N, C-alpha and C. Protein backbone atom coordinates (compact mmCIF):
# COMPACT_ATOMS: atom_id res chain seq x y z
N MET A 1 0.85 -1.17 0.00
CA MET A 1 0.00 0.00 0.00
C MET A 1 0.90 1.24 0.00
N MET A 2 0.57 2.18 -0.87
CA MET A 2 1.34 3.41 -0.97
C MET A 2 0.39 4.59 -0.83
N PHE A 3 0.63 5.45 0.17
CA PHE A 3 -0.24 6.60 0.38
C PHE A 3 0.09 7.70 -0.62
N LEU A 4 -0.95 8.46 -0.98
CA LEU A 4 -0.83 9.51 -1.99
C LEU A 4 -1.20 10.86 -1.38
N ASN A 5 -0.76 11.92 -2.05
CA ASN A 5 -1.13 13.28 -1.68
C ASN A 5 -2.11 13.79 -2.73
N VAL A 6 -3.38 13.46 -2.55
CA VAL A 6 -4.41 13.79 -3.54
C VAL A 6 -5.22 14.99 -3.04
N PRO A 7 -5.19 16.12 -3.76
CA PRO A 7 -6.04 17.25 -3.38
C PRO A 7 -7.51 16.85 -3.51
N TYR A 8 -8.34 17.45 -2.70
CA TYR A 8 -9.76 17.11 -2.70
C TYR A 8 -10.37 17.25 -4.10
N ALA A 9 -9.96 18.28 -4.82
CA ALA A 9 -10.52 18.53 -6.15
C ALA A 9 -10.18 17.42 -7.15
N GLU A 10 -9.18 16.59 -6.84
CA GLU A 10 -8.75 15.54 -7.76
C GLU A 10 -9.10 14.13 -7.28
N LYS A 11 -9.90 14.04 -6.22
CA LYS A 11 -10.21 12.74 -5.63
C LYS A 11 -10.92 11.79 -6.61
N ASP A 12 -11.82 12.33 -7.42
CA ASP A 12 -12.54 11.48 -8.37
C ASP A 12 -11.61 10.90 -9.43
N GLN A 13 -10.63 11.69 -9.86
CA GLN A 13 -9.66 11.19 -10.83
C GLN A 13 -8.84 10.05 -10.24
N ALA A 14 -8.42 10.21 -8.98
CA ALA A 14 -7.64 9.16 -8.33
C ALA A 14 -8.48 7.90 -8.17
N ARG A 15 -9.75 8.06 -7.81
CA ARG A 15 -10.64 6.91 -7.64
C ARG A 15 -10.81 6.16 -8.97
N GLU A 16 -10.99 6.90 -10.05
CA GLU A 16 -11.17 6.28 -11.37
C GLU A 16 -9.95 5.45 -11.79
N LEU A 17 -8.77 5.87 -11.34
CA LEU A 17 -7.54 5.14 -11.67
C LEU A 17 -7.33 3.91 -10.77
N GLY A 18 -8.13 3.81 -9.70
CA GLY A 18 -8.03 2.64 -8.82
C GLY A 18 -7.57 2.93 -7.41
N ALA A 19 -7.36 4.21 -7.09
CA ALA A 19 -6.98 4.56 -5.72
C ALA A 19 -8.14 4.27 -4.78
N ARG A 20 -7.83 4.01 -3.54
CA ARG A 20 -8.84 3.74 -2.53
C ARG A 20 -8.65 4.71 -1.37
N TRP A 21 -9.72 4.97 -0.64
CA TRP A 21 -9.72 5.87 0.51
C TRP A 21 -9.52 5.08 1.78
N ASN A 22 -8.60 5.50 2.62
CA ASN A 22 -8.38 4.88 3.92
C ASN A 22 -9.01 5.80 4.96
N PRO A 23 -10.19 5.43 5.49
CA PRO A 23 -10.88 6.33 6.42
C PRO A 23 -10.14 6.53 7.74
N ALA A 24 -9.36 5.56 8.17
CA ALA A 24 -8.63 5.71 9.42
C ALA A 24 -7.52 6.76 9.28
N ARG A 25 -6.82 6.74 8.16
CA ARG A 25 -5.72 7.69 7.92
C ARG A 25 -6.19 8.95 7.20
N LYS A 26 -7.42 8.89 6.66
CA LYS A 26 -7.97 10.00 5.88
C LYS A 26 -7.02 10.34 4.73
N ARG A 27 -6.62 9.29 4.02
CA ARG A 27 -5.67 9.43 2.92
C ARG A 27 -6.06 8.50 1.78
N TRP A 28 -5.75 8.89 0.56
CA TRP A 28 -5.90 8.03 -0.60
C TRP A 28 -4.65 7.18 -0.70
N TYR A 29 -4.81 5.95 -1.21
CA TYR A 29 -3.67 5.06 -1.36
C TYR A 29 -3.82 4.18 -2.59
N VAL A 30 -2.68 3.66 -3.04
CA VAL A 30 -2.66 2.70 -4.14
C VAL A 30 -2.66 1.32 -3.50
N PRO A 31 -3.69 0.51 -3.75
CA PRO A 31 -3.73 -0.83 -3.14
C PRO A 31 -2.60 -1.71 -3.67
N ASP A 32 -2.20 -2.69 -2.88
CA ASP A 32 -1.19 -3.66 -3.30
C ASP A 32 -1.70 -4.36 -4.56
N GLY A 33 -0.80 -4.58 -5.50
CA GLY A 33 -1.16 -5.26 -6.73
C GLY A 33 -1.61 -4.34 -7.85
N VAL A 34 -1.78 -3.04 -7.56
CA VAL A 34 -2.17 -2.07 -8.59
C VAL A 34 -0.92 -1.32 -9.01
N ALA A 35 -0.73 -1.18 -10.32
CA ALA A 35 0.45 -0.48 -10.85
C ALA A 35 0.47 0.97 -10.35
N PRO A 36 1.60 1.42 -9.80
CA PRO A 36 1.66 2.78 -9.24
C PRO A 36 1.89 3.89 -10.27
N GLU A 37 2.29 3.55 -11.49
CA GLU A 37 2.65 4.57 -12.48
C GLU A 37 1.56 5.61 -12.74
N PRO A 38 0.28 5.22 -12.87
CA PRO A 38 -0.75 6.25 -13.13
C PRO A 38 -0.92 7.27 -12.00
N PHE A 39 -0.35 6.99 -10.83
CA PHE A 39 -0.53 7.84 -9.66
C PHE A 39 0.69 8.73 -9.39
N ALA A 40 1.63 8.78 -10.34
CA ALA A 40 2.91 9.48 -10.14
C ALA A 40 2.73 10.92 -9.66
N ARG A 41 1.74 11.63 -10.19
CA ARG A 41 1.60 13.05 -9.82
C ARG A 41 1.18 13.25 -8.37
N TRP A 42 0.64 12.22 -7.74
CA TRP A 42 0.21 12.35 -6.34
C TRP A 42 1.16 11.69 -5.35
N MET A 43 2.21 11.08 -5.83
CA MET A 43 3.16 10.43 -4.92
C MET A 43 4.03 11.48 -4.25
N PRO A 44 4.42 11.24 -3.00
CA PRO A 44 5.31 12.19 -2.32
C PRO A 44 6.60 12.34 -3.12
N LYS A 45 7.09 13.57 -3.22
CA LYS A 45 8.33 13.85 -3.94
C LYS A 45 9.52 13.39 -3.10
N ASP A 46 10.68 13.25 -3.73
CA ASP A 46 11.90 12.86 -3.02
C ASP A 46 12.16 13.84 -1.87
N GLY A 47 12.40 13.30 -0.70
CA GLY A 47 12.69 14.12 0.47
C GLY A 47 11.46 14.67 1.16
N GLU A 48 10.30 14.51 0.57
CA GLU A 48 9.06 15.00 1.15
C GLU A 48 8.59 13.98 2.18
N PRO A 49 8.22 14.42 3.39
CA PRO A 49 7.74 13.46 4.38
C PRO A 49 6.47 12.76 3.90
N ALA A 50 6.28 11.55 4.35
CA ALA A 50 5.12 10.76 3.93
C ALA A 50 3.81 11.43 4.31
N SER A 51 3.81 12.22 5.36
CA SER A 51 2.56 12.85 5.80
C SER A 51 2.30 14.19 5.13
N ALA A 52 3.24 14.69 4.32
CA ALA A 52 3.03 15.98 3.67
C ALA A 52 1.80 15.91 2.78
N GLY A 53 0.98 16.93 2.85
CA GLY A 53 -0.20 16.96 2.01
C GLY A 53 -1.35 16.14 2.55
N SER A 54 -1.17 15.53 3.71
CA SER A 54 -2.25 14.70 4.23
C SER A 54 -3.35 15.58 4.80
N GLY A 55 -4.50 15.04 4.90
CA GLY A 55 -5.63 15.79 5.40
C GLY A 55 -6.47 16.31 4.24
N ARG A 56 -7.44 17.10 4.56
CA ARG A 56 -8.36 17.63 3.56
C ARG A 56 -7.78 18.94 3.03
N GLN A 57 -7.89 19.15 1.73
CA GLN A 57 -7.39 20.39 1.15
C GLN A 57 -8.54 21.22 0.62
N ASP A 58 -8.48 22.51 0.88
CA ASP A 58 -9.46 23.44 0.36
C ASP A 58 -9.12 23.67 -1.11
N ALA A 59 -10.00 23.28 -2.02
CA ALA A 59 -9.72 23.36 -3.45
C ALA A 59 -9.54 24.80 -3.92
N ARG A 60 -10.28 25.74 -3.38
CA ARG A 60 -10.16 27.13 -3.83
C ARG A 60 -8.88 27.78 -3.31
N ALA A 61 -8.59 27.59 -2.04
CA ALA A 61 -7.42 28.23 -1.44
C ALA A 61 -6.16 27.40 -1.63
N ALA A 62 -6.31 26.13 -2.03
CA ALA A 62 -5.19 25.21 -2.22
C ALA A 62 -4.31 25.15 -0.98
N LYS A 63 -4.96 25.10 0.17
CA LYS A 63 -4.18 24.97 1.39
C LYS A 63 -4.75 23.85 2.24
N LEU A 64 -3.91 23.27 3.06
CA LEU A 64 -4.28 22.14 3.90
C LEU A 64 -5.24 22.59 4.99
N MET A 65 -6.32 21.84 5.14
CA MET A 65 -7.32 22.12 6.17
C MET A 65 -7.39 20.90 7.08
N THR A 66 -6.70 20.92 8.19
CA THR A 66 -6.72 19.80 9.11
C THR A 66 -7.76 20.08 10.19
N GLY A 67 -8.68 19.14 10.37
CA GLY A 67 -9.75 19.31 11.34
C GLY A 67 -9.24 19.22 12.77
N THR A 68 -10.04 19.66 13.70
CA THR A 68 -9.63 19.66 15.10
C THR A 68 -9.56 18.26 15.68
N ARG A 69 -10.24 17.30 15.06
CA ARG A 69 -10.24 15.93 15.57
C ARG A 69 -9.42 14.99 14.69
N TYR A 70 -8.58 15.55 13.86
CA TYR A 70 -7.77 14.74 12.95
C TYR A 70 -6.32 14.77 13.40
N LEU A 71 -5.71 13.60 13.49
CA LEU A 71 -4.32 13.50 13.88
C LEU A 71 -3.64 12.52 12.94
N ASP A 72 -2.64 12.99 12.22
CA ASP A 72 -1.93 12.14 11.27
C ASP A 72 -0.72 11.54 11.96
N VAL A 73 -0.65 10.21 12.01
CA VAL A 73 0.53 9.54 12.54
C VAL A 73 1.36 9.06 11.36
N ASP A 74 2.66 8.93 11.58
CA ASP A 74 3.56 8.68 10.46
C ASP A 74 3.68 7.22 10.04
N HIS A 75 2.84 6.35 10.53
CA HIS A 75 2.84 4.96 10.08
C HIS A 75 1.47 4.34 10.33
N ASP A 76 1.24 3.19 9.73
CA ASP A 76 -0.04 2.51 9.90
C ASP A 76 -0.09 1.81 11.24
N CYS A 77 -1.03 2.19 12.04
CA CYS A 77 -1.27 1.49 13.29
C CYS A 77 -2.73 1.76 13.67
N ASN A 78 -3.21 1.01 14.61
CA ASN A 78 -4.57 1.19 15.10
C ASN A 78 -4.49 2.00 16.39
N PRO A 79 -5.04 3.23 16.42
CA PRO A 79 -4.92 4.05 17.62
C PRO A 79 -5.68 3.49 18.82
N PHE A 80 -6.49 2.45 18.60
CA PHE A 80 -7.21 1.84 19.71
C PHE A 80 -6.42 0.70 20.34
N GLU A 81 -5.25 0.41 19.77
CA GLU A 81 -4.36 -0.60 20.33
C GLU A 81 -3.06 0.08 20.74
N ALA A 82 -2.40 -0.46 21.74
CA ALA A 82 -1.16 0.13 22.23
C ALA A 82 -0.08 0.13 21.15
N CYS A 83 0.56 1.27 20.96
CA CYS A 83 1.66 1.41 20.00
C CYS A 83 2.70 2.32 20.65
N GLY A 84 3.85 1.79 20.92
CA GLY A 84 4.90 2.56 21.57
C GLY A 84 5.36 3.75 20.75
N ARG A 85 5.25 3.65 19.45
CA ARG A 85 5.69 4.73 18.56
C ARG A 85 4.71 5.90 18.55
N CYS A 86 3.41 5.59 18.63
CA CYS A 86 2.39 6.64 18.56
C CYS A 86 1.95 7.16 19.93
N ALA A 87 2.18 6.39 20.98
CA ALA A 87 1.69 6.78 22.31
C ALA A 87 2.08 8.20 22.71
N PRO A 88 3.34 8.61 22.55
CA PRO A 88 3.69 9.98 22.94
C PRO A 88 2.96 11.05 22.11
N VAL A 89 2.77 10.79 20.82
CA VAL A 89 2.08 11.75 19.94
C VAL A 89 0.61 11.86 20.36
N LEU A 90 -0.02 10.71 20.61
CA LEU A 90 -1.42 10.71 21.01
C LEU A 90 -1.62 11.37 22.36
N ALA A 91 -0.70 11.12 23.29
CA ALA A 91 -0.81 11.73 24.62
C ALA A 91 -0.64 13.25 24.54
N GLU A 92 0.34 13.70 23.75
CA GLU A 92 0.60 15.14 23.63
C GLU A 92 -0.56 15.87 22.97
N SER A 93 -1.24 15.21 22.06
CA SER A 93 -2.35 15.85 21.34
C SER A 93 -3.62 15.93 22.17
N GLY A 94 -3.69 15.15 23.25
CA GLY A 94 -4.91 15.11 24.04
C GLY A 94 -5.84 13.98 23.63
N TRP A 95 -5.47 13.25 22.58
CA TRP A 95 -6.29 12.16 22.08
C TRP A 95 -6.47 11.07 23.13
N SER A 96 -5.39 10.71 23.80
CA SER A 96 -5.46 9.63 24.79
C SER A 96 -6.39 10.00 25.94
N ALA A 97 -6.29 11.24 26.40
CA ALA A 97 -7.16 11.68 27.50
C ALA A 97 -8.62 11.69 27.06
N ALA A 98 -8.88 12.15 25.85
CA ALA A 98 -10.26 12.17 25.35
C ALA A 98 -10.80 10.75 25.22
N ARG A 99 -9.97 9.83 24.77
CA ARG A 99 -10.39 8.42 24.65
C ARG A 99 -10.77 7.87 26.02
N GLU A 100 -9.95 8.13 27.03
CA GLU A 100 -10.25 7.65 28.38
C GLU A 100 -11.55 8.23 28.89
N ASP A 101 -11.82 9.51 28.61
CA ASP A 101 -13.08 10.13 29.04
C ASP A 101 -14.28 9.44 28.40
N VAL A 102 -14.15 9.11 27.12
CA VAL A 102 -15.25 8.42 26.42
C VAL A 102 -15.47 7.03 27.02
N LEU A 103 -14.37 6.31 27.28
CA LEU A 103 -14.49 4.97 27.87
C LEU A 103 -15.13 5.01 29.25
N LYS A 104 -14.77 6.02 30.05
CA LYS A 104 -15.38 6.16 31.38
C LYS A 104 -16.88 6.42 31.27
N ALA A 105 -17.25 7.28 30.30
CA ALA A 105 -18.67 7.60 30.12
C ALA A 105 -19.47 6.39 29.68
N LEU A 106 -18.84 5.48 28.95
CA LEU A 106 -19.53 4.29 28.46
C LEU A 106 -19.67 3.20 29.53
N ARG A 107 -18.89 3.27 30.57
CA ARG A 107 -18.95 2.23 31.62
C ARG A 107 -20.14 2.37 32.50
């Protein structure tokens, strides 16, 4: 799986070529087994971090619009399972505390 930097205005084009949406990461990706060549314009450039361009983009302003409840982690993991790599990022963002509050309310 290869994540792409697809602007919102171009999402339909990416879908037509075979890209899929990952709702957990809120990113478009090329599924395994699909040729990556048609997606070259949306692939991260050399030296560009994998998370660059992630999130929703405002098509008119062409700028990144990250929501207040969106947190991009730099690798695939499930935020509902313990991950030593993501734990500090989730704790710093307040995500972990919010999760605990929801779990307490559900008990």
